[in-house]
Each structure stands twice: as structure tokens, then as C-alpha cells.
């Protein structure tokens, strides 16, 4: 079975790309996260999930 390239070239592009240092990400404290979740669910009455009742589209 023919291949699309030789095995010796494997990882060539990844080795050529320059290393980029990622930025330090700090997560929100659990108290703030819980407070925003409470607001969304109970104060604003938003339903969680991807298939919300008001946003569902019918298939053709």
C-alpha cells in the first residue's frame, strides 16, 4: 500500500515551528463562579445546556 510520504519526514513541521510560551491563566475563585451560576439559573431564569427549549430549531 503506497504512503503519502516517507517515515523519515515525520514530525518535520512541528520541529520547525518556534516554541511559544503560553500565558499564565488564573481561574475565577469558586465563590464568584457559584455566584454567577446562581444569577444565571435563578435570577435570570436561564436553562443550562446546549439544547435550550427556546433555541431549538426544527429539522427540515
N, C-alpha and C. Protein backbone atom coordinates (compact mmCIF):
# COMPACT_ATOMS: atom_id res chain seq x y z
N UNK A 1 0.84 -1.18 0.00
CA UNK A 1 0.00 0.00 0.00
C UNK A 1 0.89 1.24 0.00
N UNK A 2 0.71 2.15 -0.96
CA UNK A 2 1.57 3.33 -1.01
C UNK A 2 1.25 4.31 0.12
N UNK A 3 2.29 5.01 0.55
CA UNK A 3 2.10 6.02 1.60
C UNK A 3 2.21 7.40 0.98
N UNK A 4 1.79 8.40 1.73
CA UNK A 4 1.80 9.78 1.24
C UNK A 4 3.09 10.51 1.57
N UNK A 5 4.01 9.87 2.15
CA UNK A 5 5.29 10.48 2.47
C UNK A 5 6.16 9.49 3.21
N UNK A 6 7.44 9.78 3.25
CA UNK A 6 8.33 8.84 3.91
C UNK A 6 8.26 9.01 5.42
N UNK A 7 8.56 7.97 6.12
CA UNK A 7 8.51 7.98 7.58
C UNK A 7 9.61 8.88 8.15
N UNK A 8 10.68 9.08 7.38
CA UNK A 8 11.78 9.91 7.89
C UNK A 8 11.39 11.37 8.02
N UNK A 9 10.35 11.80 7.31
CA UNK A 9 9.91 13.19 7.40
C UNK A 9 8.85 13.42 8.48
N UNK A 10 8.55 12.41 9.24
CA UNK A 10 7.51 12.54 10.25
C UNK A 10 7.93 13.54 11.33
N UNK A 11 7.04 14.45 11.67
CA UNK A 11 7.31 15.45 12.70
C UNK A 11 8.12 16.63 12.22
N UNK A 12 8.25 16.79 10.90
CA UNK A 12 9.09 17.86 10.34
C UNK A 12 8.52 19.24 10.66
N UNK A 13 7.24 19.43 10.45
CA UNK A 13 6.64 20.75 10.64
C UNK A 13 6.63 21.14 12.11
N UNK A 14 6.32 20.20 12.97
CA UNK A 14 6.29 20.51 14.40
C UNK A 14 7.67 20.88 14.91
N UNK A 15 8.69 20.23 14.39
CA UNK A 15 10.05 20.55 14.80
C UNK A 15 10.50 21.92 14.30
N UNK A 16 9.95 22.39 13.19
CA UNK A 16 10.35 23.67 12.62
C UNK A 16 9.66 24.86 13.26
N UNK A 17 8.49 24.65 13.83
CA UNK A 17 7.74 25.78 14.38
C UNK A 17 8.41 26.27 15.65
N UNK A 18 8.47 27.59 15.82
CA UNK A 18 9.10 28.13 17.04
C UNK A 18 8.23 27.89 18.27
N UNK A 19 8.88 27.69 19.40
CA UNK A 19 8.17 27.43 20.65
C UNK A 19 7.58 28.73 21.17
N UNK A 20 6.29 28.72 21.47
CA UNK A 20 5.62 29.89 22.00
C UNK A 20 5.26 29.59 23.45
N UNK A 21 5.67 30.48 24.34
CA UNK A 21 5.39 30.29 25.76
C UNK A 21 3.95 30.71 26.03
N UNK A 22 3.18 29.82 26.63
CA UNK A 22 1.79 30.13 26.94
C UNK A 22 1.68 31.09 28.12
N UNK A 23 0.57 31.85 28.13
CA UNK A 23 0.39 32.79 29.23
C UNK A 23 -0.21 32.08 30.44
N UNK A 24 0.08 32.60 31.59
CA UNK A 24 -0.42 32.01 32.83
C UNK A 24 -1.89 32.38 32.99
N UNK A 25 -2.73 31.39 33.14
CA UNK A 25 -4.17 31.62 33.28
C UNK A 25 -4.57 31.37 34.72
N UNK A 26 -5.27 32.32 35.28
CA UNK A 26 -5.77 32.13 36.65
C UNK A 26 -7.28 31.94 36.59
N UNK A 27 -7.77 30.99 37.30
CA UNK A 27 -9.20 30.71 37.26
C UNK A 27 -9.92 31.57 38.29
N UNK A 28 -11.20 31.78 38.05
CA UNK A 28 -12.03 32.57 38.94
C UNK A 28 -12.24 31.76 40.22
N UNK A 29 -12.30 32.44 41.35
CA UNK A 29 -12.49 31.73 42.61
C UNK A 29 -13.86 31.06 42.61
N UNK A 30 -13.99 30.02 43.40
CA UNK A 30 -15.21 29.23 43.39
C UNK A 30 -16.40 30.03 43.89
N UNK A 31 -16.18 30.98 44.79
CA UNK A 31 -17.29 31.79 45.30
C UNK A 31 -17.89 32.63 44.18
N UNK A 32 -17.04 33.27 43.39
CA UNK A 32 -17.53 34.09 42.28
C UNK A 32 -18.20 33.24 41.21
N UNK A 33 -17.64 32.07 40.94
CA UNK A 33 -18.23 31.18 39.94
C UNK A 33 -19.62 30.72 40.38
N UNK A 34 -19.75 30.36 41.66
CA UNK A 34 -21.05 29.92 42.16
C UNK A 34 -22.06 31.05 42.15
N UNK A 35 -21.60 32.27 42.45
CA UNK A 35 -22.49 33.42 42.46
C UNK A 35 -23.03 33.71 41.06
N UNK A 36 -22.14 33.64 40.05
CA UNK A 36 -22.60 33.91 38.69
C UNK A 36 -23.51 32.80 38.19
N UNK A 37 -23.24 31.55 38.57
CA UNK A 37 -24.13 30.45 38.19
C UNK A 37 -25.51 30.61 38.82
N UNK A 38 -25.55 31.05 40.07
CA UNK A 38 -26.82 31.28 40.76
C UNK A 38 -27.61 32.37 40.05
N UNK A 39 -26.93 33.45 39.67
CA UNK A 39 -27.61 34.54 38.97
C UNK A 39 -28.21 34.06 37.65
N UNK A 40 -27.41 33.31 36.89
CA UNK A 40 -27.88 32.83 35.59
C UNK A 40 -29.10 31.93 35.74
N UNK A 41 -29.05 31.01 36.69
CA UNK A 41 -30.09 29.99 36.79
C UNK A 41 -31.36 30.50 37.45
N UNK A 42 -31.22 31.23 38.57
CA UNK A 42 -32.40 31.55 39.37
C UNK A 42 -32.87 32.99 39.18
N UNK A 43 -31.96 33.94 39.02
CA UNK A 43 -32.36 35.34 38.87
C UNK A 43 -32.79 35.60 37.44
N UNK A 44 -31.99 35.16 36.47
CA UNK A 44 -32.29 35.41 35.06
C UNK A 44 -33.12 34.31 34.42
N UNK A 45 -33.35 33.20 35.15
CA UNK A 45 -34.17 32.06 34.70
C UNK A 45 -33.66 31.48 33.39
N UNK A 46 -32.37 31.28 33.28
CA UNK A 46 -31.80 30.66 32.08
C UNK A 46 -31.68 29.17 32.32
N UNK A 47 -32.02 28.39 31.31
CA UNK A 47 -31.88 26.95 31.43
C UNK A 47 -30.50 26.54 30.92
N UNK A 48 -29.80 25.66 31.63
CA UNK A 48 -28.48 25.25 31.20
C UNK A 48 -28.55 24.28 30.04
N UNK A 49 -27.45 24.16 29.33
CA UNK A 49 -27.34 23.14 28.30
C UNK A 49 -27.32 23.72 26.90
N UNK A 50 -27.07 22.85 25.96
CA UNK A 50 -26.91 23.26 24.58
C UNK A 50 -28.25 23.31 23.85
N UNK A 51 -29.16 22.42 24.20
CA UNK A 51 -30.46 22.37 23.53
C UNK A 51 -31.51 23.02 24.42
N UNK A 52 -31.46 24.34 24.51
CA UNK A 52 -32.42 25.07 25.34
C UNK A 52 -33.78 25.06 24.66
N UNK A 53 -34.87 25.10 25.43
CA UNK A 53 -36.19 25.00 24.83
C UNK A 53 -36.51 26.12 23.84
N UNK A 54 -36.07 27.34 24.10
CA UNK A 54 -36.39 28.45 23.20
C UNK A 54 -35.53 28.51 21.96
N UNK A 55 -34.39 27.84 21.97
CA UNK A 55 -33.45 27.95 20.86
C UNK A 55 -33.45 26.74 19.95
N UNK A 56 -34.25 25.76 20.22
CA UNK A 56 -34.23 24.55 19.39
C UNK A 56 -34.79 24.84 18.01
N UNK A 57 -34.09 24.39 17.00
CA UNK A 57 -34.52 24.58 15.62
C UNK A 57 -35.05 23.27 15.10
N UNK A 58 -36.08 23.36 14.29
CA UNK A 58 -36.67 22.16 13.73
C UNK A 58 -35.88 21.70 12.52
N UNK A 59 -35.80 20.40 12.35
CA UNK A 59 -35.15 19.84 11.17
C UNK A 59 -36.10 19.92 9.99
N UNK A 60 -35.50 20.04 8.84
CA UNK A 60 -36.32 20.04 7.63
C UNK A 60 -36.46 18.65 7.08
